Amino acid sequence: MIWKPCQLQILTGQTEDELGNMVGGDWKTVKETVCRHTPWTDEQISLEGRDVTRNEQRFAVPIPYNRFPSCTHAVVNGIRQEIRQKIDLSPRYTVIQVRVYKE
C-alpha cells in the first residue's frame, strides 16, 4: 500500500464583490494526514458512467467518518482537488471522491 501525504483544506476570509461573487481568501489546512488511491470497480464504472471516472478519483483516508473535519478540498501530490463526496467506511476510514483538474 502506498500512502501519500494529504492536506485537508478550507478557504477562509473570502469577501463579496460588487456582483455578489465570493472572491479572495486564504487556504487554511484543517488536518494533515495520509491517503491512498482507491481504484474504481467495474460495477461503479458501469453505473456512474465513464465521464465521472475519468474526471474524479477516490482516496481512502484513515480518519473515521464521524471525526472527518469540515473541509472542501484535499491537496494530494501538491495538487489541490475539490472534495465532491465523502463515503463512510466505518470504523476506520473515510473515502473522499475528488474532482481532478488537469492542466
PDB file of N, CA and C in Angstrom:
ATOM      1  N   MET A   1       0.837  -1.185   0.000  1.00  0.00           N
ATOM      2  CA  MET A   1       0.000   0.000   0.000  1.00  0.00           C
ATOM      3  C   MET A   1       0.881   1.248   0.000  1.00  0.00           C
ATOM      4  N   ILE A   2       0.601   2.157  -0.894  1.00  0.00           N
ATOM      5  CA  ILE A   2       1.364   3.399  -0.957  1.00  0.00           C
ATOM      6  C   ILE A   2       0.513   4.514  -0.370  1.00  0.00           C
ATOM      7  N   TRP A   3       0.961   5.039   0.749  1.00  0.00           N
ATOM      8  CA  TRP A   3       0.265   6.152   1.399  1.00  0.00           C
ATOM      9  C   TRP A   3       0.976   7.443   1.018  1.00  0.00           C
ATOM     10  N   LYS A   4       0.203   8.432   0.645  1.00  0.00           N
ATOM     11  CA  LYS A   4       0.752   9.725   0.242  1.00  0.00           C
ATOM     12  C   LYS A   4       0.324  10.791   1.238  1.00  0.00           C
ATOM     13  N   PRO A   5       1.155  11.815   1.437  1.00  0.00           N
ATOM     14  CA  PRO A   5       0.739  12.927   2.305  1.00  0.00           C
ATOM     15  C   PRO A   5      -0.491  13.621   1.731  1.00  0.00           C
ATOM     16  N   CYS A   6      -1.378  14.053   2.612  1.00  0.00           N
ATOM     17  CA  CYS A   6      -2.623  14.697   2.195  1.00  0.00           C
ATOM     18  C   CYS A   6      -2.957  15.809   3.180  1.00  0.00           C
ATOM     19  N   GLN A   7      -3.282  16.967   2.652  1.00  0.00           N
ATOM     20  CA  GLN A   7      -3.722  18.091   3.483  1.00  0.00           C
ATOM     21  C   GLN A   7      -5.182  18.369   3.174  1.00  0.00           C
ATOM     22  N   LEU A   8      -6.001  18.406   4.214  1.00  0.00           N
ATOM     23  CA  LEU A   8      -7.411  18.733   4.066  1.00  0.00           C
ATOM     24  C   LEU A   8      -7.562  20.220   4.338  1.00  0.00           C
ATOM     25  N   GLN A   9      -8.143  20.965   3.387  1.00  0.00           N
ATOM     26  CA  GLN A   9      -8.160  22.420   3.463  1.00  0.00           C
ATOM     27  C   GLN A   9      -9.546  23.010   3.267  1.00  0.00           C
ATOM     28  N   ILE A  10      -9.670  24.268   3.711  1.00  0.00           N
ATOM     29  CA  ILE A  10     -10.886  25.054   3.520  1.00  0.00           C
ATOM     30  C   ILE A  10     -10.468  26.485   3.193  1.00  0.00           C
ATOM     31  N   LEU A  11     -11.257  27.171   2.388  1.00  0.00           N
ATOM     32  CA  LEU A  11     -10.985  28.556   2.012  1.00  0.00           C
ATOM     33  C   LEU A  11     -11.656  29.485   3.020  1.00  0.00           C
ATOM     34  N   THR A  12     -10.868  30.356   3.636  1.00  0.00           N
ATOM     35  CA  THR A  12     -11.403  31.266   4.651  1.00  0.00           C
ATOM     36  C   THR A  12     -11.142  32.716   4.255  1.00  0.00           C
ATOM     37  N   GLY A  13     -11.913  33.621   4.832  1.00  0.00           N
ATOM     38  CA  GLY A  13     -11.678  35.046   4.644  1.00  0.00           C
ATOM     39  C   GLY A  13     -12.086  35.596   3.297  1.00  0.00           C
ATOM     40  N   GLN A  14     -13.047  34.963   2.639  1.00  0.00           N
ATOM     41  CA  GLN A  14     -13.494  35.479   1.350  1.00  0.00           C
ATOM     42  C   GLN A  14     -14.387  36.701   1.551  1.00  0.00           C
ATOM     43  N   THR A  15     -14.387  37.587   0.561  1.00  0.00           N
ATOM     44  CA  THR A  15     -15.249  38.764   0.584  1.00  0.00           C
ATOM     45  C   THR A  15     -16.134  38.750  -0.655  1.00  0.00           C
ATOM     46  N   GLU A  16     -17.191  39.522  -0.602  1.00  0.00           N
ATOM     47  CA  GLU A  16     -18.133  39.578  -1.710  1.00  0.00           C
ATOM     48  C   GLU A  16     -17.831  40.795  -2.572  1.00  0.00           C
ATOM     49  N   ASP A  17     -17.781  40.615  -3.909  1.00  0.00           N
ATOM     50  CA  ASP A  17     -17.551  41.744  -4.806  1.00  0.00           C
ATOM     51  C   ASP A  17     -18.871  42.411  -5.172  1.00  0.00           C
ATOM     52  N   GLU A  18     -18.814  43.383  -6.076  1.00  0.00           N
ATOM     53  CA  GLU A  18     -19.994  44.154  -6.461  1.00  0.00           C
ATOM     54  C   GLU A  18     -21.087  43.301  -7.094  1.00  0.00           C
ATOM     55  N   LEU A  19     -20.709  42.190  -7.709  1.00  0.00           N
ATOM     56  CA  LEU A  19     -21.679  41.336  -8.383  1.00  0.00           C
ATOM     57  C   LEU A  19     -22.215  40.223  -7.467  1.00  0.00           C
ATOM     58  N   GLY A  20     -21.747  40.194  -6.235  1.00  0.00           N
ATOM     59  CA  GLY A  20     -22.216  39.184  -5.289  1.00  0.00           C
ATOM     60  C   GLY A  20     -21.425  37.893  -5.326  1.00  0.00           C
ATOM     61  N   ASN A  21     -20.300  37.878  -6.034  1.00  0.00           N
ATOM     62  CA  ASN A  21     -19.451  36.690  -6.104  1.00  0.00           C
ATOM     63  C   ASN A  21     -18.439  36.703  -4.961  1.00  0.00           C
ATOM     64  N   MET A  22     -18.145  35.524  -4.431  1.00  0.00           N
ATOM     65  CA  MET A  22     -17.141  35.415  -3.383  1.00  0.00           C
ATOM     66  C   MET A  22     -15.754  35.414  -4.030  1.00  0.00           C
ATOM     67  N   VAL A  23     -14.862  36.278  -3.541  1.00  0.00           N
ATOM     68  CA  VAL A  23     -13.518  36.396  -4.107  1.00  0.00           C
ATOM     69  C   VAL A  23     -12.483  36.430  -2.994  1.00  0.00           C
ATOM     70  N   GLY A  24     -11.238  36.165  -3.379  1.00  0.00           N
ATOM     71  CA  GLY A  24     -10.127  36.252  -2.438  1.00  0.00           C
ATOM     72  C   GLY A  24     -10.150  35.121  -1.424  1.00  0.00           C
ATOM     73  N   GLY A  25      -9.522  35.374  -0.290  1.00  0.00           N
ATOM     74  CA  GLY A  25      -9.479  34.386   0.775  1.00  0.00           C
ATOM     75  C   GLY A  25      -8.140  33.685   0.850  1.00  0.00           C
ATOM     76  N   ASP A  26      -7.963  32.946   1.925  1.00  0.00           N
ATOM     77  CA  ASP A  26      -6.732  32.202   2.178  1.00  0.00           C
ATOM     78  C   ASP A  26      -7.071  30.737   2.440  1.00  0.00           C
ATOM     79  N   TRP A  27      -6.198  29.848   1.979  1.00  0.00           N
ATOM     80  CA  TRP A  27      -6.385  28.424   2.220  1.00  0.00           C
ATOM     81  C   TRP A  27      -5.861  28.079   3.606  1.00  0.00           C
ATOM     82  N   LYS A  28      -6.673  27.417   4.396  1.00  0.00           N
ATOM     83  CA  LYS A  28      -6.301  27.009   5.752  1.00  0.00           C
ATOM     84  C   LYS A  28      -6.313  25.480   5.813  1.00  0.00           C
ATOM     85  N   THR A  29      -5.209  24.902   6.258  1.00  0.00           N
ATOM     86  CA  THR A  29      -5.133  23.459   6.418  1.00  0.00           C
ATOM     87  C   THR A  29      -5.765  23.079   7.754  1.00  0.00           C
ATOM     88  N   VAL A  30      -6.825  22.269   7.703  1.00  0.00           N
ATOM     89  CA  VAL A  30      -7.502  21.861   8.933  1.00  0.00           C
ATOM     90  C   VAL A  30      -6.961  20.547   9.464  1.00  0.00           C
ATOM     91  N   LYS A  31      -6.355  19.725   8.595  1.00  0.00           N
ATOM     92  CA  LYS A  31      -5.811  18.442   9.043  1.00  0.00           C
ATOM     93  C   LYS A  31      -4.761  17.969   8.055  1.00  0.00           C
ATOM     94  N   GLU A  32      -3.636  17.502   8.592  1.00  0.00           N
ATOM     95  CA  GLU A  32      -2.608  16.862   7.767  1.00  0.00           C
ATOM     96  C   GLU A  32      -2.660  15.383   8.064  1.00  0.00           C
ATOM     97  N   THR A  33      -2.755  14.583   7.019  1.00  0.00           N
ATOM     98  CA  THR A  33      -2.904  13.146   7.175  1.00  0.00           C
ATOM     99  C   THR A  33      -2.243  12.457   5.990  1.00  0.00           C
ATOM    100  N   VAL A  34      -2.593  11.209   5.761  1.00  0.00           N
ATOM    101  CA  VAL A  34      -2.139  10.460   4.584  1.00  0.00           C
ATOM    102  C   VAL A  34      -3.369   9.915   3.876  1.00  0.00           C
ATOM    103  N   CYS A  35      -3.197   9.542   2.614  1.00  0.00           N
ATOM    104  CA  CYS A  35      -4.295   8.948   1.857  1.00  0.00           C
ATOM    105  C   CYS A  35      -3.728   7.931   0.880  1.00  0.00           C
ATOM    106  N   ARG A  36      -4.619   7.089   0.381  1.00  0.00           N
ATOM    107  CA  ARG A  36      -4.226   6.050  -0.565  1.00  0.00           C
ATOM    108  C   ARG A  36      -5.233   6.033  -1.703  1.00  0.00           C
ATOM    109  N   HIS A  37      -4.745   5.989  -2.939  1.00  0.00           N
ATOM    110  CA  HIS A  37      -5.621   5.944  -4.114  1.00  0.00           C
ATOM    111  C   HIS A  37      -6.449   4.668  -4.084  1.00  0.00           C
ATOM    112  N   THR A  38      -7.739   4.807  -4.332  1.00  0.00           N
ATOM    113  CA  THR A  38      -8.665   3.678  -4.352  1.00  0.00           C
ATOM    114  C   THR A  38      -9.272   3.597  -5.747  1.00  0.00           C
ATOM    115  N   PRO A  39      -8.952   2.558  -6.509  1.00  0.00           N
ATOM    116  CA  PRO A  39      -9.463   2.477  -7.884  1.00  0.00           C
ATOM    117  C   PRO A  39     -10.964   2.205  -7.930  1.00  0.00           C
ATOM    118  N   TRP A  40     -11.572   2.584  -9.049  1.00  0.00           N
ATOM    119  CA  TRP A  40     -12.989   2.329  -9.292  1.00  0.00           C
ATOM    120  C   TRP A  40     -13.186   0.854  -9.616  1.00  0.00           C
ATOM    121  N   THR A  41     -14.314   0.292  -9.208  1.00  0.00           N
ATOM    122  CA  THR A  41     -14.638  -1.082  -9.584  1.00  0.00           C
ATOM    123  C   THR A  41     -15.363  -1.062 -10.924  1.00  0.00           C
ATOM    124  N   ASP A  42     -15.404  -2.209 -11.597  1.00  0.00           N
ATOM    125  CA  ASP A  42     -16.112  -2.311 -12.883  1.00  0.00           C
ATOM    126  C   ASP A  42     -17.589  -1.970 -12.714  1.00  0.00           C
ATOM    127  N   GLU A  43     -18.163  -2.362 -11.585  1.00  0.00           N
ATOM    128  CA  GLU A  43     -19.576  -2.077 -11.321  1.00  0.00           C
ATOM    129  C   GLU A  43     -19.831  -0.574 -11.202  1.00  0.00           C
ATOM    130  N   GLN A  44     -18.938   0.137 -10.520  1.00  0.00           N
ATOM    131  CA  GLN A  44     -19.093   1.591 -10.377  1.00  0.00           C
ATOM    132  C   GLN A  44     -18.954   2.292 -11.722  1.00  0.00           C
ATOM    133  N   ILE A  45     -18.045   1.823 -12.550  1.00  0.00           N
ATOM    134  CA  ILE A  45     -17.854   2.429 -13.867  1.00  0.00           C
ATOM    135  C   ILE A  45     -19.118   2.273 -14.707  1.00  0.00           C
ATOM    136  N   SER A  46     -19.719   1.090 -14.681  1.00  0.00           N
ATOM    137  CA  SER A  46     -20.922   0.874 -15.490  1.00  0.00           C
ATOM    138  C   SER A  46     -22.120   1.643 -14.944  1.00  0.00           C
ATOM    139  N   LEU A  47     -22.204   1.830 -13.617  1.00  0.00           N
ATOM    140  CA  LEU A  47     -23.320   2.558 -13.024  1.00  0.00           C
ATOM    141  C   LEU A  47     -23.195   4.066 -13.194  1.00  0.00           C
ATOM    142  N   GLU A  48     -21.993   4.580 -12.966  1.00  0.00           N
ATOM    143  CA  GLU A  48     -21.820   6.028 -12.924  1.00  0.00           C
ATOM    144  C   GLU A  48     -21.376   6.629 -14.244  1.00  0.00           C
ATOM    145  N   GLY A  49     -20.964   5.825 -15.167  1.00  0.00           N
ATOM    146  CA  GLY A  49     -20.572   6.350 -16.474  1.00  0.00           C
ATOM    147  C   GLY A  49     -19.093   6.699 -16.546  1.00  0.00           C
ATOM    148  N   ARG A  50     -18.569   6.654 -17.719  1.00  0.00           N
ATOM    149  CA  ARG A  50     -17.141   6.874 -17.953  1.00  0.00           C
ATOM    150  C   ARG A  50     -16.709   8.303 -17.662  1.00  0.00           C
ATOM    151  N   ASP A  51     -17.542   9.302 -17.920  1.00  0.00           N
ATOM    152  CA  ASP A  51     -17.152  10.696 -17.684  1.00  0.00           C
ATOM    153  C   ASP A  51     -16.813  10.940 -16.220  1.00  0.00           C
ATOM    154  N   VAL A  52     -17.575  10.352 -15.321  1.00  0.00           N
ATOM    155  CA  VAL A  52     -17.314  10.537 -13.892  1.00  0.00           C
ATOM    156  C   VAL A  52     -15.980   9.933 -13.508  1.00  0.00           C
ATOM    157  N   THR A  53     -15.722   8.721 -13.934  1.00  0.00           N
ATOM    158  CA  THR A  53     -14.486   8.054 -13.532  1.00  0.00           C
ATOM    159  C   THR A  53     -13.253   8.687 -14.168  1.00  0.00           C
ATOM    160  N   ARG A  54     -13.426   9.332 -15.301  1.00  0.00           N
ATOM    161  CA  ARG A  54     -12.285   9.965 -15.949  1.00  0.00           C
ATOM    162  C   ARG A  54     -11.896  11.261 -15.232  1.00  0.00           C
ATOM    163  N   ASN A  55     -12.867  11.987 -14.693  1.00  0.00           N
ATOM    164  CA  ASN A  55     -12.618  13.280 -14.082  1.00  0.00           C
ATOM    165  C   ASN A  55     -12.465  13.245 -12.564  1.00  0.00           C
ATOM    166  N   GLU A  56     -12.787  12.114 -11.954  1.00  0.00           N
ATOM    167  CA  GLU A  56     -12.751  12.054 -10.500  1.00  0.00           C
ATOM    168  C   GLU A  56     -11.937  10.862 -10.027  1.00  0.00           C
ATOM    169  N   GLN A  57     -11.341  11.011  -8.845  1.00  0.00           N
ATOM    170  CA  GLN A  57     -10.569   9.943  -8.222  1.00  0.00           C
ATOM    171  C   GLN A  57     -11.080   9.744  -6.809  1.00  0.00           C
ATOM    172  N   ARG A  58     -10.766   8.605  -6.250  1.00  0.00           N
ATOM    173  CA  ARG A  58     -11.136   8.318  -4.865  1.00  0.00           C
ATOM    174  C   ARG A  58      -9.881   8.017  -4.064  1.00  0.00           C
ATOM    175  N   PHE A  59      -9.871   8.526  -2.825  1.00  0.00           N
ATOM    176  CA  PHE A  59      -8.767   8.293  -1.909  1.00  0.00           C
ATOM    177  C   PHE A  59      -9.317   7.836  -0.566  1.00  0.00           C
ATOM    178  N   ALA A  60      -8.691   6.811   0.015  1.00  0.00           N
ATOM    179  CA  ALA A  60      -9.042   6.365   1.359  1.00  0.00           C
ATOM    180  C   ALA A  60      -8.196   7.157   2.347  1.00  0.00           C
ATOM    181  N   VAL A  61      -8.849   7.704   3.370  1.00  0.00           N
ATOM    182  CA  VAL A  61      -8.185   8.499   4.393  1.00  0.00           C
ATOM    183  C   VAL A  61      -8.417   7.798   5.738  1.00  0.00           C
ATOM    184  N   PRO A  62      -7.355   7.543   6.528  1.00  0.00           N
ATOM    185  CA  PRO A  62      -7.520   6.817   7.787  1.00  0.00           C
ATOM    186  C   PRO A  62      -8.089   7.673   8.921  1.00  0.00           C
ATOM    187  N   ILE A  63      -9.252   8.241   8.682  1.00  0.00           N
ATOM    188  CA  ILE A  63      -9.960   9.035   9.686  1.00  0.00           C
ATOM    189  C   ILE A  63     -11.399   8.506   9.708  1.00  0.00           C
ATOM    190  N   PRO A  64     -11.942   8.159  10.869  1.00  0.00           N
ATOM    191  CA  PRO A  64     -13.335   7.712  10.918  1.00  0.00           C
ATOM    192  C   PRO A  64     -14.276   8.792  10.387  1.00  0.00           C
ATOM    193  N   TYR A  65     -15.359   8.384   9.749  1.00  0.00           N
ATOM    194  CA  TYR A  65     -16.300   9.299   9.123  1.00  0.00           C
ATOM    195  C   TYR A  65     -16.831  10.340  10.108  1.00  0.00           C
ATOM    196  N   ASN A  66     -17.143   9.916  11.323  1.00  0.00           N
ATOM    197  CA  ASN A  66     -17.702  10.853  12.303  1.00  0.00           C
ATOM    198  C   ASN A  66     -16.662  11.829  12.861  1.00  0.00           C
ATOM    199  N   ARG A  67     -15.378  11.597  12.593  1.00  0.00           N
ATOM    200  CA  ARG A  67     -14.321  12.515  13.033  1.00  0.00           C
ATOM    201  C   ARG A  67     -13.694  13.288  11.882  1.00  0.00           C
ATOM    202  N   PHE A  68     -14.211  13.068  10.675  1.00  0.00           N
ATOM    203  CA  PHE A  68     -13.652  13.730   9.499  1.00  0.00           C
ATOM    204  C   PHE A  68     -13.912  15.227   9.604  1.00  0.00           C
ATOM    205  N   PRO A  69     -12.861  16.066   9.441  1.00  0.00           N
ATOM    206  CA  PRO A  69     -13.035  17.506   9.617  1.00  0.00           C
ATOM    207  C   PRO A  69     -13.859  18.145   8.498  1.00  0.00           C
ATOM    208  N   SER A  70     -14.406  19.287   8.797  1.00  0.00           N
ATOM    209  CA  SER A  70     -15.158  20.052   7.807  1.00  0.00           C
ATOM    210  C   SER A  70     -14.155  20.704   6.855  1.00  0.00           C
ATOM    211  N   CYS A  71     -14.143  20.270   5.606  1.00  0.00           N
ATOM    212  CA  CYS A  71     -13.205  20.794   4.614  1.00  0.00           C
ATOM    213  C   CYS A  71     -13.816  20.658   3.230  1.00  0.00           C
ATOM    214  N   THR A  72     -13.281  21.405   2.282  1.00  0.00           N
ATOM    215  CA  THR A  72     -13.816  21.389   0.925  1.00  0.00           C
ATOM    216  C   THR A  72     -12.823  20.888  -0.115  1.00  0.00           C
ATOM    217  N   HIS A  73     -11.540  20.877   0.228  1.00  0.00           N
ATOM    218  CA  HIS A  73     -10.511  20.487  -0.728  1.00  0.00           C
ATOM    219  C   HIS A  73      -9.464  19.595  -0.069  1.00  0.00           C
ATOM    220  N   ALA A  74      -8.770  18.828  -0.906  1.00  0.00           N
ATOM    221  CA  ALA A  74      -7.663  17.999  -0.453  1.00  0.00           C
ATOM    222  C   ALA A  74      -6.468  18.278  -1.359  1.00  0.00           C
ATOM    223  N   VAL A  75      -5.291  18.378  -0.762  1.00  0.00           N
ATOM    224  CA  VAL A  75      -4.069  18.570  -1.533  1.00  0.00           C
ATOM    225  C   VAL A  75      -3.306  17.252  -1.513  1.00  0.00           C
ATOM    226  N   VAL A  76      -3.208  16.603  -2.682  1.00  0.00           N
ATOM    227  CA  VAL A  76      -2.503  15.333  -2.832  1.00  0.00           C
ATOM    228  C   VAL A  76      -1.491  15.521  -3.943  1.00  0.00           C
ATOM    229  N   ASN A  77      -0.242  15.154  -3.698  1.00  0.00           N
ATOM    230  CA  ASN A  77       0.842  15.335  -4.677  1.00  0.00           C
ATOM    231  C   ASN A  77       0.990  16.800  -5.080  1.00  0.00           C
ATOM    232  N   GLY A  78       0.713  17.720  -4.164  1.00  0.00           N
ATOM    233  CA  GLY A  78       0.861  19.139  -4.437  1.00  0.00           C
ATOM    234  C   GLY A  78      -0.255  19.744  -5.276  1.00  0.00           C
ATOM    235  N   ILE A  79      -1.317  18.986  -5.547  1.00  0.00           N
ATOM    236  CA  ILE A  79      -2.417  19.471  -6.372  1.00  0.00           C
ATOM    237  C   ILE A  79      -3.675  19.578  -5.518  1.00  0.00           C
ATOM    238  N   ARG A  80      -4.259  20.768  -5.487  1.00  0.00           N
ATOM    239  CA  ARG A  80      -5.497  20.993  -4.727  1.00  0.00           C
ATOM    240  C   ARG A  80      -6.676  20.482  -5.554  1.00  0.00           C
ATOM    241  N   GLN A  81      -7.484  19.619  -4.929  1.00  0.00           N
ATOM    242  CA  GLN A  81      -8.619  18.995  -5.610  1.00  0.00           C
ATOM    243  C   GLN A  81      -9.876  19.175  -4.768  1.00  0.00           C
ATOM    244  N   GLU A  82     -10.987  19.451  -5.427  1.00  0.00           N
ATOM    245  CA  GLU A  82     -12.255  19.676  -4.737  1.00  0.00           C
ATOM    246  C   GLU A  82     -12.865  18.350  -4.279  1.00  0.00           C
ATOM    247  N   ILE A  83     -13.266  18.285  -3.017  1.00  0.00           N
ATOM    248  CA  ILE A  83     -13.929  17.096  -2.498  1.00  0.00           C
ATOM    249  C   ILE A  83     -15.386  17.137  -2.937  1.00  0.00           C
ATOM    250  N   ARG A  84     -15.801  16.141  -3.715  1.00  0.00           N
ATOM    251  CA  ARG A  84     -17.160  16.087  -4.247  1.00  0.00           C
ATOM    252  C   ARG A  84     -18.078  15.221  -3.383  1.00  0.00           C
ATOM    253  N   GLN A  85     -17.492  14.204  -2.723  1.00  0.00           N
ATOM    254  CA  GLN A  85     -18.302  13.278  -1.942  1.00  0.00           C
ATOM    255  C   GLN A  85     -17.445  12.643  -0.858  1.00  0.00           C
ATOM    256  N   LYS A  86     -18.072  12.350   0.287  1.00  0.00           N
ATOM    257  CA  LYS A  86     -17.419  11.626   1.378  1.00  0.00           C
ATOM    258  C   LYS A  86     -18.200  10.339   1.596  1.00  0.00           C
ATOM    259  N   ILE A  87     -17.479   9.220   1.688  1.00  0.00           N
ATOM    260  CA  ILE A  87     -18.107   7.911   1.817  1.00  0.00           C
ATOM    261  C   ILE A  87     -17.655   7.281   3.131  1.00  0.00           C
ATOM    262  N   ASP A  88     -18.607   6.813   3.902  1.00  0.00           N
ATOM    263  CA  ASP A  88     -18.364   6.232   5.224  1.00  0.00           C
ATOM    264  C   ASP A  88     -17.897   4.785   5.105  1.00  0.00           C
ATOM    265  N   LEU A  89     -16.686   4.511   5.570  1.00  0.00           N
ATOM    266  CA  LEU A  89     -16.166   3.146   5.671  1.00  0.00           C
ATOM    267  C   LEU A  89     -15.810   2.874   7.130  1.00  0.00           C
ATOM    268  N   SER A  90     -16.749   3.166   8.010  1.00  0.00           N
ATOM    269  CA  SER A  90     -16.531   2.998   9.446  1.00  0.00           C
ATOM    270  C   SER A  90     -16.115   1.565   9.753  1.00  0.00           C
ATOM    271  N   PRO A  91     -15.337   1.363  10.767  1.00  0.00           N
ATOM    272  CA  PRO A  91     -14.963   2.311  11.811  1.00  0.00           C
ATOM    273  C   PRO A  91     -13.625   2.999  11.583  1.00  0.00           C
ATOM    274  N   ARG A  92     -12.892   2.661  10.501  1.00  0.00           N
ATOM    275  CA  ARG A  92     -11.527   3.173  10.402  1.00  0.00           C
ATOM    276  C   ARG A  92     -11.271   4.210   9.322  1.00  0.00           C
ATOM    277  N   TYR A  93     -12.036   4.176   8.233  1.00  0.00           N
ATOM    278  CA  TYR A  93     -11.687   5.003   7.078  1.00  0.00           C
ATOM    279  C   TYR A  93     -12.848   5.854   6.586  1.00  0.00           C
ATOM    280  N   THR A  94     -12.483   6.899   5.847  1.00  0.00           N
ATOM    281  CA  THR A  94     -13.413   7.690   5.056  1.00  0.00           C
ATOM    282  C   THR A  94     -12.831   7.738   3.655  1.00  0.00           C
ATOM    283  N   VAL A  95     -13.658   7.540   2.653  1.00  0.00           N
ATOM    284  CA  VAL A  95     -13.214   7.671   1.260  1.00  0.00           C
ATOM    285  C   VAL A  95     -13.698   9.024   0.758  1.00  0.00           C
ATOM    286  N   ILE A  96     -12.782   9.775   0.154  1.00  0.00           N
ATOM    287  CA  ILE A  96     -13.172  11.044  -0.444  1.00  0.00           C
ATOM    288  C   ILE A  96     -13.090  10.908  -1.962  1.00  0.00           C
ATOM    289  N   GLN A  97     -14.100  11.415  -2.627  1.00  0.00           N
ATOM    290  CA  GLN A  97     -14.112  11.435  -4.089  1.00  0.00           C
ATOM    291  C   GLN A  97     -13.812  12.863  -4.491  1.00  0.00           C
ATOM    292  N   VAL A  98     -12.730  13.058  -5.245  1.00  0.00           N
ATOM    293  CA  VAL A  98     -12.282  14.408  -5.580  1.00  0.00           C
ATOM    294  C   VAL A  98     -12.332  14.617  -7.085  1.00  0.00           C
ATOM    295  N   ARG A  99     -12.587  15.874  -7.471  1.00  0.00           N
ATOM    296  CA  ARG A  99     -12.593  16.279  -8.873  1.00  0.00           C
ATOM    297  C   ARG A  99     -11.161  16.593  -9.261  1.00  0.00           C
ATOM    298  N   VAL A 100     -10.722  16.002 -10.347  1.00  0.00           N
ATOM    299  CA  VAL A 100      -9.358  16.197 -10.827  1.00  0.00           C
ATOM    300  C   VAL A 100      -9.374  17.275 -11.903  1.00  0.00           C
ATOM    301  N   TYR A 101      -8.587  18.317 -11.705  1.00  0.00           N
ATOM    302  CA  TYR A 101      -8.461  19.383 -12.698  1.00  0.00           C
ATOM    303  C   TYR A 101      -7.136  19.215 -13.410  1.00  0.00           C
ATOM    304  N   LYS A 102      -7.178  18.810 -14.655  1.00  0.00           N
ATOM    305  CA  LYS A 102      -5.943  18.612 -15.427  1.00  0.00           C
ATOM    306  C   LYS A 102      -5.651  19.879 -16.208  1.00  0.00           C
ATOM    307  N   GLU A 103      -4.384  20.272 -16.187  1.00  0.00           N
ATOM    308  CA  GLU A 103      -3.966  21.488 -16.897  1.00  0.00           C
ATOM    309  C   GLU A 103      -3.336  21.141 -18.219  1.00  0.00           C
TER     310      GLU A 103
END
